[in-house]
Amino acid sequence: MVVTPPDSARRTVIGDGWSLRPLAGTSGEPLGARRPAARGYAASCDGTDRSGGGGGGGGEDGGGSAELLVHVQAVPHHPVRACYPFGAHDVVVWLGDGDDETDHGDHGTDHGDGGTDHGDRGARAARVPEEAGADLLRVLVPALFATDARCRRVVAAPDEYDGHAQRVLLAGGFRRITEADLPHGSVVLFAAEPPEVAGLSTALDDMPH
């Protein structure tokens, strides 16, 4: 989803020309703030073309004022917690409009008006330009790790049939981990880790004795 909402909130620069503007209800909170509800942000670039088109700003039409929606939630408050042995400070991210493809139970995306958006799972990923989405993820993930040094994993869980979202995640530096079943259906778990964690060997011979 590409949007052009009013630019009235303070922006947080996260790197490579990208900045985040909190949506209503999350203004004033640091990027790594941990709370049950998902936090929504409008991400924009400084005018560099991220869409593969001939303009700037990452919009589908190359418009410099276009923004991408990105959402961040603590894994312990998200259904993806059932997919793997999560850490208390792990976060899950998704791009696009409103909630991600999973069923959040009691917590949706906080837009400041008490409402929770619910939309079509199959149509959601196609709303995010692939190149712009991947570029955003490549700077968002390091920013999340820098905000909370105890965060050891940023994950995503697109629908198993959502090939577009999976391509965006792979291009954005995520690794495909496994398939998992959640109450709403099957997802594919992706993860990104800091270099010092991703580089650790899991071989038994390398474990401390």
C-alpha atoms as a PDB file:
ATOM      1  CA  MET A   1       0.000   0.000   0.000  1.00  0.00           C
ATOM      2  CA  VAL A   2       1.369   3.408  -0.967  1.00  0.00           C
ATOM      3  CA  VAL A   3      -0.183   6.392   0.782  1.00  0.00           C
ATOM      4  CA  THR A   4       0.311  10.153   0.970  1.00  0.00           C
ATOM      5  CA  PRO A   5      -1.011  11.133   4.423  1.00  0.00           C
ATOM      6  CA  PRO A   6      -0.448  14.575   5.963  1.00  0.00           C
ATOM      7  CA  ASP A   7       3.091  15.009   7.263  1.00  0.00           C
ATOM      8  CA  SER A   8       2.351  16.430  10.708  1.00  0.00           C
ATOM      9  CA  ALA A   9       4.199  14.060  13.058  1.00  0.00           C
ATOM     10  CA  ARG A  10       7.862  14.010  13.960  1.00  0.00           C
ATOM     11  CA  ARG A  11       9.936  11.699  11.768  1.00  0.00           C
ATOM     12  CA  THR A  12      12.639   9.257  12.821  1.00  0.00           C
ATOM     13  CA  VAL A  13      15.509   8.821  10.373  1.00  0.00           C
ATOM     14  CA  ILE A  14      16.461   5.137  10.126  1.00  0.00           C
ATOM     15  CA  GLY A  15      19.125   5.247   7.419  1.00  0.00           C
ATOM     16  CA  ASP A  16      19.814   5.349   3.665  1.00  0.00           C
ATOM     17  CA  GLY A  17      17.413   8.240   3.188  1.00  0.00           C
ATOM     18  CA  TRP A  18      14.464   6.494   4.858  1.00  0.00           C
ATOM     19  CA  SER A  19      12.478   8.001   7.718  1.00  0.00           C
ATOM     20  CA  LEU A  20       9.431   6.885   9.691  1.00  0.00           C
ATOM     21  CA  ARG A  21       6.433   8.985  10.680  1.00  0.00           C
ATOM     22  CA  PRO A  22       4.317   7.400  13.438  1.00  0.00           C
ATOM     23  CA  LEU A  23       0.656   6.959  12.692  1.00  0.00           C
ATOM     24  CA  ALA A  24      -1.937   8.274  15.139  1.00  0.00           C
ATOM     25  CA  GLY A  25      -1.649   6.575  18.507  1.00  0.00           C
ATOM     26  CA  THR A  26       2.078   5.835  18.302  1.00  0.00           C
ATOM     27  CA  SER A  27       3.404   9.391  18.132  1.00  0.00           C
ATOM     28  CA  GLY A  28       6.158  10.069  20.638  1.00  0.00           C
ATOM     29  CA  GLU A  29       7.015   6.416  21.214  1.00  0.00           C
ATOM     30  CA  PRO A  30      10.508   5.196  20.348  1.00  0.00           C
ATOM     31  CA  LEU A  31      10.765   2.737  17.477  1.00  0.00           C
ATOM     32  CA  GLY A  32      11.555  -0.114  19.829  1.00  0.00           C
ATOM     33  CA  ALA A  33       8.755   0.565  22.331  1.00  0.00           C
ATOM     34  CA  ARG A  34       7.238  -2.690  23.541  1.00  0.00           C
ATOM     35  CA  ARG A  35       3.477  -2.860  24.001  1.00  0.00           C
ATOM     36  CA  PRO A  36       0.742  -5.333  23.045  1.00  0.00           C
ATOM     37  CA  ALA A  37      -0.732  -3.521  20.054  1.00  0.00           C
ATOM     38  CA  ALA A  38       1.110  -3.229  16.760  1.00  0.00           C
ATOM     39  CA  ARG A  39       2.661   0.140  15.971  1.00  0.00           C
ATOM     40  CA  GLY A  40       2.127   1.639  12.552  1.00  0.00           C
ATOM     41  CA  TYR A  41       4.454   3.987  10.680  1.00  0.00           C
ATOM     42  CA  ALA A  42       4.495   5.720   7.319  1.00  0.00           C
ATOM     43  CA  ALA A  43       7.940   5.250   5.784  1.00  0.00           C
ATOM     44  CA  SER A  44       9.275   7.588   3.137  1.00  0.00           C
ATOM     45  CA  CYS A  45      12.528   8.100   1.305  1.00  0.00           C
ATOM     46  CA  ASP A  46      14.426  11.322   0.689  1.00  0.00           C
ATOM     47  CA  GLY A  47      13.609  11.463  -3.020  1.00  0.00           C
ATOM     48  CA  THR A  48      15.736   8.590  -4.295  1.00  0.00           C
ATOM     49  CA  ASP A  49      13.752   6.362  -6.635  1.00  0.00           C
ATOM     50  CA  ARG A  50      13.065   3.033  -4.885  1.00  0.00           C
ATOM     51  CA  SER A  51      10.269   1.854  -7.134  1.00  0.00           C
ATOM     52  CA  GLY A  52      12.177   0.867 -10.235  1.00  0.00           C
ATOM     53  CA  GLY A  53      10.456   3.697 -12.065  1.00  0.00           C
ATOM     54  CA  GLY A  54      11.746   7.006 -13.238  1.00  0.00           C
ATOM     55  CA  GLY A  55      10.832   9.239 -10.314  1.00  0.00           C
ATOM     56  CA  GLY A  56      11.675   9.413  -6.628  1.00  0.00           C
ATOM     57  CA  GLY A  57      10.421   8.513  -3.206  1.00  0.00           C
ATOM     58  CA  GLY A  58       9.446   4.880  -3.579  1.00  0.00           C
ATOM     59  CA  GLY A  59       5.937   5.376  -4.889  1.00  0.00           C
ATOM     60  CA  GLU A  60       4.426   3.159  -7.532  1.00  0.00           C
ATOM     61  CA  ASP A  61       4.319   6.124  -9.880  1.00  0.00           C
ATOM     62  CA  GLY A  62       7.714   7.473  -8.784  1.00  0.00           C
ATOM     63  CA  GLY A  63       6.136  10.308  -6.792  1.00  0.00           C
ATOM     64  CA  GLY A  64       8.463  11.730  -4.182  1.00  0.00           C
ATOM     65  CA  SER A  65       5.692  12.215  -1.576  1.00  0.00           C
ATOM     66  CA  ALA A  66       4.467   8.621  -1.480  1.00  0.00           C
ATOM     67  CA  GLU A  67       4.870   6.603   1.706  1.00  0.00           C
ATOM     68  CA  LEU A  68       4.852   2.910   2.547  1.00  0.00           C
ATOM     69  CA  LEU A  69       3.060   1.636   5.617  1.00  0.00           C
ATOM     70  CA  VAL A  70       5.087  -0.542   7.980  1.00  0.00           C
ATOM     71  CA  HIS A  71       3.975  -2.199  11.202  1.00  0.00           C
ATOM     72  CA  VAL A  72       5.992  -3.505  14.147  1.00  0.00           C
ATOM     73  CA  GLN A  73       4.788  -5.659  17.037  1.00  0.00           C
ATOM     74  CA  ALA A  74       6.414  -7.541  19.903  1.00  0.00           C
ATOM     75  CA  VAL A  75       6.422 -11.263  19.113  1.00  0.00           C
ATOM     76  CA  PRO A  76       5.085 -12.252  22.582  1.00  0.00           C
ATOM     77  CA  HIS A  77       1.855 -10.421  21.679  1.00  0.00           C
ATOM     78  CA  HIS A  78       1.547 -11.804  18.144  1.00  0.00           C
ATOM     79  CA  PRO A  79       0.303 -15.246  17.011  1.00  0.00           C
ATOM     80  CA  VAL A  80       3.686 -15.910  15.368  1.00  0.00           C
ATOM     81  CA  ARG A  81       4.967 -16.682  18.865  1.00  0.00           C
ATOM     82  CA  ALA A  82       3.588 -20.195  18.331  1.00  0.00           C
ATOM     83  CA  CYS A  83       5.962 -20.771  15.389  1.00  0.00           C
ATOM     84  CA  TYR A  84       9.333 -20.848  17.144  1.00  0.00           C
ATOM     85  CA  PRO A  85      11.080 -20.484  20.555  1.00  0.00           C
ATOM     86  CA  PHE A  86      10.952 -16.701  20.540  1.00  0.00           C
ATOM     87  CA  GLY A  87      12.930 -14.244  22.625  1.00  0.00           C
ATOM     88  CA  ALA A  88      11.130 -11.746  24.830  1.00  0.00           C
ATOM     89  CA  HIS A  89      12.440  -8.847  22.746  1.00  0.00           C
ATOM     90  CA  ASP A  90      11.897 -10.327  19.277  1.00  0.00           C
ATOM     91  CA  VAL A  91       9.676  -8.288  16.963  1.00  0.00           C
ATOM     92  CA  VAL A  92       7.525  -9.118  13.964  1.00  0.00           C
ATOM     93  CA  VAL A  93       7.166  -6.731  11.027  1.00  0.00           C
ATOM     94  CA  TRP A  94       4.919  -6.467   7.987  1.00  0.00           C
ATOM     95  CA  LEU A  95       4.396  -3.982   5.199  1.00  0.00           C
ATOM     96  CA  GLY A  96       1.084  -2.776   3.848  1.00  0.00           C
ATOM     97  CA  ASP A  97      -2.298  -1.620   5.009  1.00  0.00           C
ATOM     98  CA  GLY A  98      -3.637  -2.378   8.489  1.00  0.00           C
ATOM     99  CA  ASP A  99      -3.103  -5.760  10.147  1.00  0.00           C
ATOM    100  CA  ASP A 100      -0.862  -8.389   8.628  1.00  0.00           C
ATOM    101  CA  GLU A 101      -2.123 -11.734   7.377  1.00  0.00           C
ATOM    102  CA  THR A 102      -2.397 -13.276  10.823  1.00  0.00           C
ATOM    103  CA  ASP A 103      -5.184 -13.153  13.378  1.00  0.00           C
ATOM    104  CA  HIS A 104      -4.055 -10.917  16.217  1.00  0.00           C
ATOM    105  CA  GLY A 105      -6.779 -11.942  18.647  1.00  0.00           C
ATOM    106  CA  ASP A 106      -7.389  -8.998  20.985  1.00  0.00           C
ATOM    107  CA  HIS A 107      -4.733  -6.682  19.560  1.00  0.00           C
ATOM    108  CA  GLY A 108      -4.808  -5.006  16.173  1.00  0.00           C
ATOM    109  CA  THR A 109      -2.890  -2.103  14.743  1.00  0.00           C
ATOM    110  CA  ASP A 110      -3.408   1.005  16.858  1.00  0.00           C
ATOM    111  CA  HIS A 111      -4.449   3.951  14.684  1.00  0.00           C
ATOM    112  CA  GLY A 112      -5.405   6.134  17.622  1.00  0.00           C
ATOM    113  CA  ASP A 113      -9.169   5.862  17.200  1.00  0.00           C
ATOM    114  CA  GLY A 114      -9.634   2.490  18.877  1.00  0.00           C
ATOM    115  CA  GLY A 115     -10.284   0.804  15.539  1.00  0.00           C
ATOM    116  CA  THR A 116      -8.606  -2.209  14.009  1.00  0.00           C
ATOM    117  CA  ASP A 117      -8.296  -2.651  10.269  1.00  0.00           C
ATOM    118  CA  HIS A 118      -9.003  -6.033   8.731  1.00  0.00           C
ATOM    119  CA  GLY A 119      -8.570  -6.688   5.042  1.00  0.00           C
ATOM    120  CA  ASP A 120      -8.141  -9.331   2.390  1.00  0.00           C
ATOM    121  CA  ARG A 121      -5.089 -11.506   3.042  1.00  0.00           C
ATOM    122  CA  GLY A 122      -4.443 -12.323  -0.575  1.00  0.00           C
ATOM    123  CA  ALA A 123      -4.444  -8.745  -1.871  1.00  0.00           C
ATOM    124  CA  ARG A 124      -2.261  -7.175   0.799  1.00  0.00           C
ATOM    125  CA  ALA A 125       1.267  -7.963  -0.408  1.00  0.00           C
ATOM    126  CA  ALA A 126       0.734  -6.727  -3.949  1.00  0.00           C
ATOM    127  CA  ARG A 127       0.126  -3.230  -2.592  1.00  0.00           C
ATOM    128  CA  VAL A 128       3.799  -2.826  -1.645  1.00  0.00           C
ATOM    129  CA  PRO A 129       6.263  -2.151  -4.497  1.00  0.00           C
ATOM    130  CA  GLU A 130       8.798  -4.969  -4.356  1.00  0.00           C
ATOM    131  CA  GLU A 131      11.993  -2.959  -4.726  1.00  0.00           C
ATOM    132  CA  ALA A 132      10.902  -0.208  -2.351  1.00  0.00           C
ATOM    133  CA  GLY A 133       9.677  -2.694   0.237  1.00  0.00           C
ATOM    134  CA  ALA A 134      12.941  -4.643   0.175  1.00  0.00           C
ATOM    135  CA  ASP A 135      14.980  -1.458   0.403  1.00  0.00           C
ATOM    136  CA  LEU A 136      12.965  -0.315   3.413  1.00  0.00           C
ATOM    137  CA  LEU A 137      13.433  -3.646   5.192  1.00  0.00           C
ATOM    138  CA  ARG A 138      17.202  -3.491   4.687  1.00  0.00           C
ATOM    139  CA  VAL A 139      17.371  -0.306   6.769  1.00  0.00           C
ATOM    140  CA  LEU A 140      14.465  -0.985   9.139  1.00  0.00           C
ATOM    141  CA  VAL A 141      15.913  -4.212  10.555  1.00  0.00           C
ATOM    142  CA  PRO A 142      19.282  -2.699  11.639  1.00  0.00           C
ATOM    143  CA  ALA A 143      17.360   0.241  13.121  1.00  0.00           C
ATOM    144  CA  LEU A 144      15.263  -2.136  15.232  1.00  0.00           C
ATOM    145  CA  PHE A 145      18.377  -3.938  16.475  1.00  0.00           C
ATOM    146  CA  ALA A 146      20.050  -0.614  17.289  1.00  0.00           C
ATOM    147  CA  THR A 147      17.005   0.561  19.230  1.00  0.00           C
ATOM    148  CA  ASP A 148      16.875  -2.520  21.462  1.00  0.00           C
ATOM    149  CA  ALA A 149      20.179  -4.314  22.025  1.00  0.00           C
ATOM    150  CA  ARG A 150      18.267  -7.251  23.537  1.00  0.00           C
ATOM    151  CA  CYS A 151      16.375  -7.870  20.303  1.00  0.00           C
ATOM    152  CA  ARG A 152      17.920 -10.930  18.693  1.00  0.00           C
ATOM    153  CA  ARG A 153      15.484 -11.608  15.883  1.00  0.00           C
ATOM    154  CA  VAL A 154      13.141  -9.704  13.569  1.00  0.00           C
ATOM    155  CA  VAL A 155      10.610 -12.041  11.992  1.00  0.00           C
ATOM    156  CA  ALA A 156       7.844 -11.956   9.419  1.00  0.00           C
ATOM    157  CA  ALA A 157       5.109 -14.482   8.665  1.00  0.00           C
ATOM    158  CA  PRO A 158       3.438 -13.976   5.274  1.00  0.00           C
ATOM    159  CA  ASP A 159       0.754 -16.314   4.020  1.00  0.00           C
ATOM    160  CA  GLU A 160       2.191 -19.457   2.414  1.00  0.00           C
ATOM    161  CA  TYR A 161       0.636 -18.475  -0.934  1.00  0.00           C
ATOM    162  CA  ASP A 162       1.832 -14.862  -0.764  1.00  0.00           C
ATOM    163  CA  GLY A 163       4.763 -15.130  -3.140  1.00  0.00           C
ATOM    164  CA  HIS A 164       5.132 -11.378  -3.506  1.00  0.00           C
ATOM    165  CA  ALA A 165       5.627 -10.783   0.220  1.00  0.00           C
ATOM    166  CA  GLN A 166       8.103 -13.654   0.372  1.00  0.00           C
ATOM    167  CA  ARG A 167      10.164 -12.176  -2.473  1.00  0.00           C
ATOM    168  CA  VAL A 168      10.197  -8.799  -0.731  1.00  0.00           C
ATOM    169  CA  LEU A 169      11.442 -10.389   2.484  1.00  0.00           C
ATOM    170  CA  LEU A 170      14.192 -12.372   0.753  1.00  0.00           C
ATOM    171  CA  ALA A 171      15.352  -9.287  -1.134  1.00  0.00           C
ATOM    172  CA  GLY A 172      15.190  -7.335   2.127  1.00  0.00           C
ATOM    173  CA  GLY A 173      17.695  -9.607   3.871  1.00  0.00           C
ATOM    174  CA  PHE A 174      15.397 -12.100   5.611  1.00  0.00           C
ATOM    175  CA  ARG A 175      15.991 -15.859   5.592  1.00  0.00           C
ATOM    176  CA  ARG A 176      13.250 -18.369   4.998  1.00  0.00           C
ATOM    177  CA  ILE A 177      13.036 -20.556   8.103  1.00  0.00           C
ATOM    178  CA  THR A 178      10.051 -22.885   7.935  1.00  0.00           C
ATOM    179  CA  GLU A 179       6.349 -23.239   7.297  1.00  0.00           C
ATOM    180  CA  ALA A 180       3.953 -23.094  10.223  1.00  0.00           C
ATOM    181  CA  ASP A 181       0.247 -23.379  10.915  1.00  0.00           C
ATOM    182  CA  LEU A 182      -1.542 -20.571  12.727  1.00  0.00           C
ATOM    183  CA  PRO A 183      -5.253 -20.305  13.591  1.00  0.00           C
ATOM    184  CA  HIS A 184      -5.990 -18.349  10.402  1.00  0.00           C
ATOM    185  CA  GLY A 185      -4.009 -20.666   8.099  1.00  0.00           C
ATOM    186  CA  SER A 186      -0.489 -21.579   7.049  1.00  0.00           C
ATOM    187  CA  VAL A 187       2.358 -19.074   6.974  1.00  0.00           C
ATOM    188  CA  VAL A 188       6.041 -19.075   6.078  1.00  0.00           C
ATOM    189  CA  LEU A 189       8.334 -17.876   8.838  1.00  0.00           C
ATOM    190  CA  PHE A 190      11.167 -15.533   7.825  1.00  0.00           C
ATOM    191  CA  ALA A 191      13.816 -14.112  10.147  1.00  0.00           C
ATOM    192  CA  ALA A 192      16.632 -11.574  10.205  1.00  0.00           C
ATOM    193  CA  GLU A 193      19.313 -11.595  12.901  1.00  0.00           C
ATOM    194  CA  PRO A 194      22.238  -9.354  13.876  1.00  0.00           C
ATOM    195  CA  PRO A 195      25.549 -10.499  12.350  1.00  0.00           C
ATOM    196  CA  GLU A 196      26.888 -11.593  15.740  1.00  0.00           C
ATOM    197  CA  VAL A 197      23.884 -13.897  16.176  1.00  0.00           C
ATOM    198  CA  ALA A 198      23.508 -15.089  12.588  1.00  0.00           C
ATOM    199  CA  GLY A 199      27.185 -16.039  12.496  1.00  0.00           C
ATOM    200  CA  LEU A 200      27.018 -18.335  15.518  1.00  0.00           C
ATOM    201  CA  SER A 201      27.492 -21.991  14.723  1.00  0.00           C
ATOM    202  CA  THR A 202      24.777 -24.384  15.852  1.00  0.00           C
ATOM    203  CA  ALA A 203      26.957 -27.456  15.345  1.00  0.00           C
ATOM    204  CA  LEU A 204      27.219 -29.633  18.442  1.00  0.00           C
ATOM    205  CA  ASP A 205      31.023 -29.713  18.258  1.00  0.00           C
ATOM    206  CA  ASP A 206      31.108 -25.917  18.489  1.00  0.00           C
ATOM    207  CA  MET A 207      28.971 -25.728  21.625  1.00  0.00           C
ATOM    208  CA  PRO A 208      30.673 -24.925  24.968  1.00  0.00           C
ATOM    209  CA  HIS A 209      31.492 -28.057  26.989  1.00  0.00           C
END
